[in-house]
Amino acid sequence: MSKEILICSGLGKRFGTRYALRDVELRVESGKIIGLLGPNGSGKTTLMKLANGLLKPEEGWIEIDGSRPGLHTKSVVSYLPDQMYFADWMRVSDLLAMFSDFYRDFDRGKAGSMLRALDISEKERMKTLSKGSKEKVQLVLVMSRQAKLYLLDEPIGGVDPAARDYILKTILTNYSEDASVMISTHLIADVEKVLDEAIFLKEGRLVRHSSVDDIREKEGKSVDRLFREIFAVRGPQMGRNPLFEPAVKPGLHDQEEEKTEKTVHEDQKEES
């Protein structure tokens, strides 16, 4: 039986009085590629930040590789945030040096090979690269670590369809089979082909966690179609469900998460 790399029990996170996540029960095994699926504001980024130790829960607990998120788990988790956090003046070579210093498991040779395949020079400054190329550089850095759990927050959200295929191929060919990859996205059709399991988040609640094979065989439908059914009714038509606390007020959740993004760089320094 595979080891469980991530466990959540009664996990809850509030921003002010509003819940971004509530009562999340989740177990993720090693060796899986998991889609963390839901519309914007469903709690995907919050869950990933809790797993990476950038946020702390108000309720319940979360464990990574048998430990609560902290210094130990920094060597276990390789995290790709949903926003760029490198300064534009930095060269790609500066980023490679920084990751080499921060992470003992960073494979400098692998990173260089991936960059050459992308035709991205290590001499380039970040400010000279397109948005898509910047995101590829950041993905290369994250996937060049020998981690046990890769947390990728919207890795294909800001690139064109042609680049999405390359990014997914990069993910598939550059992680250990003993590791797990969790991909947060709302672009289900693009990632479905690489997923082993799918986790559906709705208004901060985990509403389903199934293998992709079960969804196809038992439901007789694709993950994308099931996603559309679960999240088909939106806005005023949805109505109030007494089982759900309201999601974070528009803007509040983003403001809180913007604050935590600023801690990513400092958070990495702690490990060094």
Protein backbone atom coordinates (compact mmCIF):
# COMPACT_ATOMS: atom_id res chain seq x y z
CA MET A 1 0.00 0.00 0.00
CA SER A 2 1.28 3.47 -0.90
CA LYS A 3 2.27 5.85 1.85
CA GLU A 4 -0.02 8.79 2.52
CA ILE A 5 1.91 11.96 1.76
CA LEU A 6 -0.83 14.46 2.72
CA ILE A 7 -3.56 14.11 5.35
CA CYS A 8 -6.18 16.67 6.41
CA SER A 9 -8.61 16.18 9.28
CA GLY A 10 -11.37 18.67 10.06
CA LEU A 11 -9.25 21.30 8.34
CA GLY A 12 -10.65 24.82 8.43
CA LYS A 13 -9.27 28.23 7.53
CA ARG A 14 -10.95 31.60 8.03
CA PHE A 15 -10.15 35.07 6.78
CA GLY A 16 -11.89 37.27 9.32
CA THR A 17 -15.27 35.67 10.00
CA ARG A 18 -15.56 33.99 6.61
CA TYR A 19 -14.44 30.47 5.84
CA ALA A 20 -12.14 29.81 2.90
CA LEU A 21 -11.98 26.11 3.85
CA ARG A 22 -14.12 24.14 6.25
CA ASP A 23 -14.22 20.54 7.55
CA VAL A 24 -11.83 19.19 4.91
CA GLU A 25 -11.11 15.47 5.28
CA LEU A 26 -8.50 14.34 2.78
CA ARG A 27 -5.88 11.63 2.30
CA VAL A 28 -3.47 11.69 -0.64
CA GLU A 29 -1.19 8.75 -1.43
CA SER A 30 2.29 8.90 -2.88
CA GLY A 31 2.78 8.23 -6.57
CA LYS A 32 -0.36 10.02 -7.77
CA ILE A 33 -1.12 13.00 -9.98
CA ILE A 34 -4.12 14.74 -8.45
CA GLY A 35 -6.27 17.50 -9.83
CA LEU A 36 -7.44 20.04 -7.25
CA LEU A 37 -10.49 21.33 -9.07
CA GLY A 38 -12.90 24.17 -8.45
CA PRO A 39 -13.83 27.65 -9.63
CA ASN A 40 -12.01 30.75 -8.44
CA GLY A 41 -12.58 31.32 -4.73
CA SER A 42 -13.30 27.67 -3.93
CA GLY A 43 -10.30 27.32 -1.58
CA LYS A 44 -7.71 25.69 -3.85
CA THR A 45 -4.92 28.20 -3.21
CA THR A 46 -5.71 28.29 0.50
CA LEU A 47 -5.33 24.51 0.76
CA MET A 48 -2.01 24.61 -1.05
CA LYS A 49 -0.69 27.38 1.18
CA LEU A 50 -1.72 25.45 4.27
CA ALA A 51 0.15 22.42 2.93
CA ASN A 52 3.23 24.56 2.28
CA GLY A 53 3.13 26.18 5.72
CA LEU A 54 2.37 29.68 4.43
CA LEU A 55 -0.93 29.74 6.31
CA LYS A 56 -2.01 28.15 9.59
CA PRO A 57 -5.43 26.53 10.13
CA GLU A 58 -7.93 27.73 12.69
CA GLU A 59 -9.55 24.31 12.87
CA GLY A 60 -8.36 20.74 12.47
CA TRP A 61 -4.92 19.83 11.21
CA ILE A 62 -2.85 18.99 8.15
CA GLU A 63 0.18 16.71 7.89
CA ILE A 64 2.78 16.38 5.15
CA ASP A 65 4.81 13.16 5.16
CA GLY A 66 3.77 12.54 8.75
CA SER A 67 4.64 16.01 10.08
CA ARG A 68 2.82 19.29 10.52
CA PRO A 69 3.97 21.90 7.97
CA GLY A 70 7.24 23.46 9.11
CA LEU A 71 10.97 23.37 8.46
CA HIS A 72 11.01 19.61 7.92
CA THR A 73 8.33 19.72 5.25
CA LYS A 74 10.21 22.38 3.26
CA SER A 75 12.45 19.55 2.09
CA VAL A 76 9.39 17.47 1.17
CA VAL A 77 7.24 20.00 -0.72
CA SER A 78 8.09 21.86 -3.93
CA TYR A 79 5.57 24.68 -4.36
CA LEU A 80 4.62 26.67 -7.44
CA PRO A 81 2.51 29.70 -6.41
CA ASP A 82 -0.14 31.19 -8.67
CA GLN A 83 1.76 34.48 -8.97
CA MET A 84 5.29 35.40 -9.98
CA TYR A 85 7.45 36.27 -6.99
CA PHE A 86 10.86 36.88 -8.59
CA ALA A 87 12.21 40.39 -9.19
CA ASP A 88 12.33 41.49 -12.82
CA TRP A 89 15.97 42.57 -12.55
CA MET A 90 17.10 39.01 -11.79
CA ARG A 91 18.70 36.88 -14.47
CA VAL A 92 17.64 33.28 -14.95
CA SER A 93 21.12 32.30 -13.75
CA ASP A 94 20.47 34.20 -10.50
CA LEU A 95 17.37 32.10 -9.90
CA LEU A 96 19.26 28.88 -10.54
CA ALA A 97 21.93 29.95 -8.05
CA MET A 98 19.29 30.92 -5.49
CA PHE A 99 17.50 27.56 -5.71
CA SER A 100 20.84 25.74 -5.54
CA ASP A 101 21.61 27.58 -2.29
CA PHE A 102 18.15 27.16 -0.76
CA TYR A 103 17.40 23.54 -1.64
CA ARG A 104 19.81 20.62 -1.31
CA ASP A 105 17.59 18.54 -3.59
CA PHE A 106 17.74 21.04 -6.48
CA ASP A 107 19.17 19.45 -9.64
CA ARG A 108 21.03 22.25 -11.41
CA GLY A 109 21.80 20.07 -14.42
CA LYS A 110 18.17 19.09 -14.94
CA ALA A 111 17.08 22.72 -14.74
CA GLY A 112 19.67 23.72 -17.33
CA SER A 113 18.54 20.96 -19.70
CA MET A 114 14.90 22.00 -19.45
CA LEU A 115 15.75 25.64 -20.06
CA ARG A 116 17.77 24.75 -23.16
CA ALA A 117 14.84 22.69 -24.46
CA LEU A 118 12.69 25.81 -24.03
CA ASP A 119 15.31 27.95 -25.78
CA ILE A 120 15.56 30.19 -22.70
CA SER A 121 19.02 31.58 -22.02
CA GLU A 122 20.31 31.66 -18.47
CA LYS A 123 21.63 35.16 -19.24
CA GLU A 124 18.12 36.54 -19.81
CA ARG A 125 16.66 38.92 -17.27
CA MET A 126 13.13 38.14 -16.14
CA LYS A 127 11.88 41.51 -17.37
CA THR A 128 12.83 40.61 -20.95
CA LEU A 129 10.79 37.39 -20.95
CA SER A 130 7.14 37.02 -21.91
CA LYS A 131 4.61 36.12 -19.24
CA GLY A 132 4.47 32.56 -20.54
CA SER A 133 8.26 32.21 -20.51
CA LYS A 134 8.44 33.55 -16.97
CA GLU A 135 5.95 30.93 -15.86
CA LYS A 136 7.94 28.23 -17.63
CA VAL A 137 11.11 29.32 -15.82
CA GLN A 138 9.32 29.15 -12.49
CA LEU A 139 7.97 25.68 -13.33
CA VAL A 140 11.45 24.50 -14.32
CA LEU A 141 12.80 25.60 -10.94
CA VAL A 142 10.04 23.81 -9.03
CA MET A 143 10.20 20.58 -11.05
CA SER A 144 14.02 20.42 -10.79
CA ARG A 145 13.76 19.59 -7.11
CA GLN A 146 13.64 15.97 -5.93
CA ALA A 147 10.59 16.49 -3.75
CA LYS A 148 7.99 14.05 -2.44
CA LEU A 149 5.06 16.38 -3.08
CA TYR A 150 4.74 18.99 -5.82
CA LEU A 151 2.05 21.62 -5.29
CA LEU A 152 1.37 23.45 -8.54
CA ASP A 153 -1.13 26.30 -8.30
CA GLU A 154 -2.64 27.09 -11.73
CA PRO A 155 0.49 26.10 -13.70
CA ILE A 156 -1.31 26.41 -17.06
CA GLY A 157 -3.67 29.26 -16.28
CA GLY A 158 -1.66 32.06 -17.87
CA VAL A 159 -0.24 30.43 -20.99
CA ASP A 160 -1.56 29.71 -24.46
CA PRO A 161 -2.95 26.25 -25.38
CA ALA A 162 0.24 25.20 -27.19
CA ALA A 163 2.34 25.97 -24.12
CA ARG A 164 -0.06 24.05 -21.87
CA ASP A 165 0.83 20.77 -23.54
CA TYR A 166 4.54 21.45 -23.04
CA ILE A 167 4.02 22.34 -19.39
CA LEU A 168 2.04 19.16 -18.74
CA LYS A 169 4.72 17.13 -20.52
CA THR A 170 7.36 18.82 -18.36
CA ILE A 171 5.45 17.87 -15.23
CA LEU A 172 4.99 14.25 -16.33
CA THR A 173 8.61 13.68 -17.31
CA ASN A 174 10.31 15.43 -14.41
CA TYR A 175 8.93 13.98 -11.20
CA SER A 176 9.70 10.74 -9.42
CA GLU A 177 7.09 7.97 -9.65
CA ASP A 178 7.22 7.78 -5.85
CA ALA A 179 6.24 11.45 -5.56
CA SER A 180 2.79 13.01 -5.84
CA VAL A 181 1.80 16.03 -7.88
CA MET A 182 -1.22 18.16 -6.99
CA ILE A 183 -2.32 20.48 -9.79
CA SER A 184 -4.76 23.25 -8.96
CA THR A 185 -6.77 24.37 -11.98
CA HIS A 186 -10.14 25.30 -13.43
CA LEU A 187 -9.04 24.23 -16.94
CA ILE A 188 -10.19 20.65 -16.50
CA ALA A 189 -10.20 19.52 -20.12
CA ASP A 190 -6.52 20.38 -20.48
CA VAL A 191 -5.28 18.42 -17.46
CA GLU A 192 -7.74 15.53 -17.29
CA LYS A 193 -5.59 13.27 -19.48
CA VAL A 194 -2.71 13.29 -16.96
CA LEU A 195 -4.72 12.88 -13.73
CA ASP A 196 -4.99 9.79 -11.55
CA GLU A 197 -7.42 11.38 -9.08
CA ALA A 198 -9.66 14.42 -8.85
CA ILE A 199 -10.56 16.50 -5.79
CA PHE A 200 -13.54 18.83 -6.13
CA LEU A 201 -13.74 21.90 -3.88
CA LYS A 202 -16.92 23.96 -3.70
CA GLU A 203 -17.31 26.99 -1.45
CA GLY A 204 -14.45 25.78 0.72
CA ARG A 205 -15.83 22.26 1.14
CA LEU A 206 -14.46 19.06 -0.30
CA VAL A 207 -17.45 17.64 -2.18
CA ARG A 208 -15.77 14.72 -3.94
CA HIS A 209 -12.46 12.85 -4.10
CA SER A 210 -12.38 10.03 -6.64
CA SER A 211 -10.04 8.27 -8.99
CA VAL A 212 -10.42 9.35 -12.60
CA ASP A 213 -11.10 5.73 -13.57
CA ASP A 214 -14.01 5.54 -11.11
CA ILE A 215 -15.54 8.71 -12.51
CA ARG A 216 -15.33 7.37 -16.05
CA GLU A 217 -16.44 3.82 -15.28
CA LYS A 218 -19.11 4.41 -12.62
CA GLU A 219 -20.41 7.79 -13.75
CA GLY A 220 -19.92 7.15 -17.45
CA LYS A 221 -18.60 10.66 -18.00
CA SER A 222 -15.40 12.65 -18.18
CA VAL A 223 -13.95 14.61 -15.28
CA ASP A 224 -14.59 17.79 -17.24
CA ARG A 225 -18.27 16.93 -17.68
CA LEU A 226 -18.66 16.06 -13.99
CA PHE A 227 -16.98 19.34 -13.07
CA ARG A 228 -19.44 21.25 -15.24
CA GLU A 229 -22.37 19.47 -13.60
CA ILE A 230 -21.16 20.14 -10.06
CA PHE A 231 -20.48 23.82 -10.72
CA ALA A 232 -23.13 24.49 -13.38
CA VAL A 233 -25.41 26.72 -11.25
CA ARG A 234 -23.73 29.90 -10.07
CA GLY A 235 -24.48 33.29 -8.64
CA PRO A 236 -27.99 34.16 -7.41
CA GLN A 237 -29.46 30.94 -8.79
CA MET A 238 -27.46 28.81 -6.38
CA GLY A 239 -29.34 29.95 -3.30
CA ARG A 240 -28.31 29.36 0.31
CA ASN A 241 -27.35 25.95 1.58
CA PRO A 242 -27.41 25.71 5.40
CA LEU A 243 -24.55 23.19 5.27
CA PHE A 244 -22.23 25.80 3.81
CA GLU A 245 -20.86 28.88 5.46
CA PRO A 246 -20.56 31.75 2.97
CA ALA A 247 -17.34 31.87 1.04
CA VAL A 248 -14.91 34.71 1.64
CA LYS A 249 -16.23 38.11 0.62
CA PRO A 250 -15.10 39.16 -2.84
CA GLY A 251 -11.70 40.75 -2.55
CA LEU A 252 -11.03 39.77 1.07
CA HIS A 253 -9.69 36.33 0.24
CA ASP A 254 -7.45 37.76 -2.47
CA GLN A 255 -6.15 40.47 -0.14
CA GLU A 256 -5.24 37.94 2.52
CA GLU A 257 -3.54 35.69 0.00
CA GLU A 258 -1.59 38.58 -1.50
CA LYS A 259 -0.13 39.17 1.94
CA THR A 260 1.00 35.57 2.22
CA GLU A 261 2.55 35.60 -1.26
CA LYS A 262 5.06 38.12 0.07
CA THR A 263 6.20 35.52 2.59
CA VAL A 264 7.17 32.92 -0.01
CA HIS A 265 10.66 34.30 -0.61
CA GLU A 266 11.32 34.82 3.10
CA ASP A 267 9.91 31.38 3.77
CA GLN A 268 12.44 29.82 1.42
CA LYS A 269 15.30 31.65 3.17
CA GLU A 270 14.44 29.94 6.45
CA GLU A 271 15.46 26.61 4.99
CA SER A 272 18.92 27.87 4.10
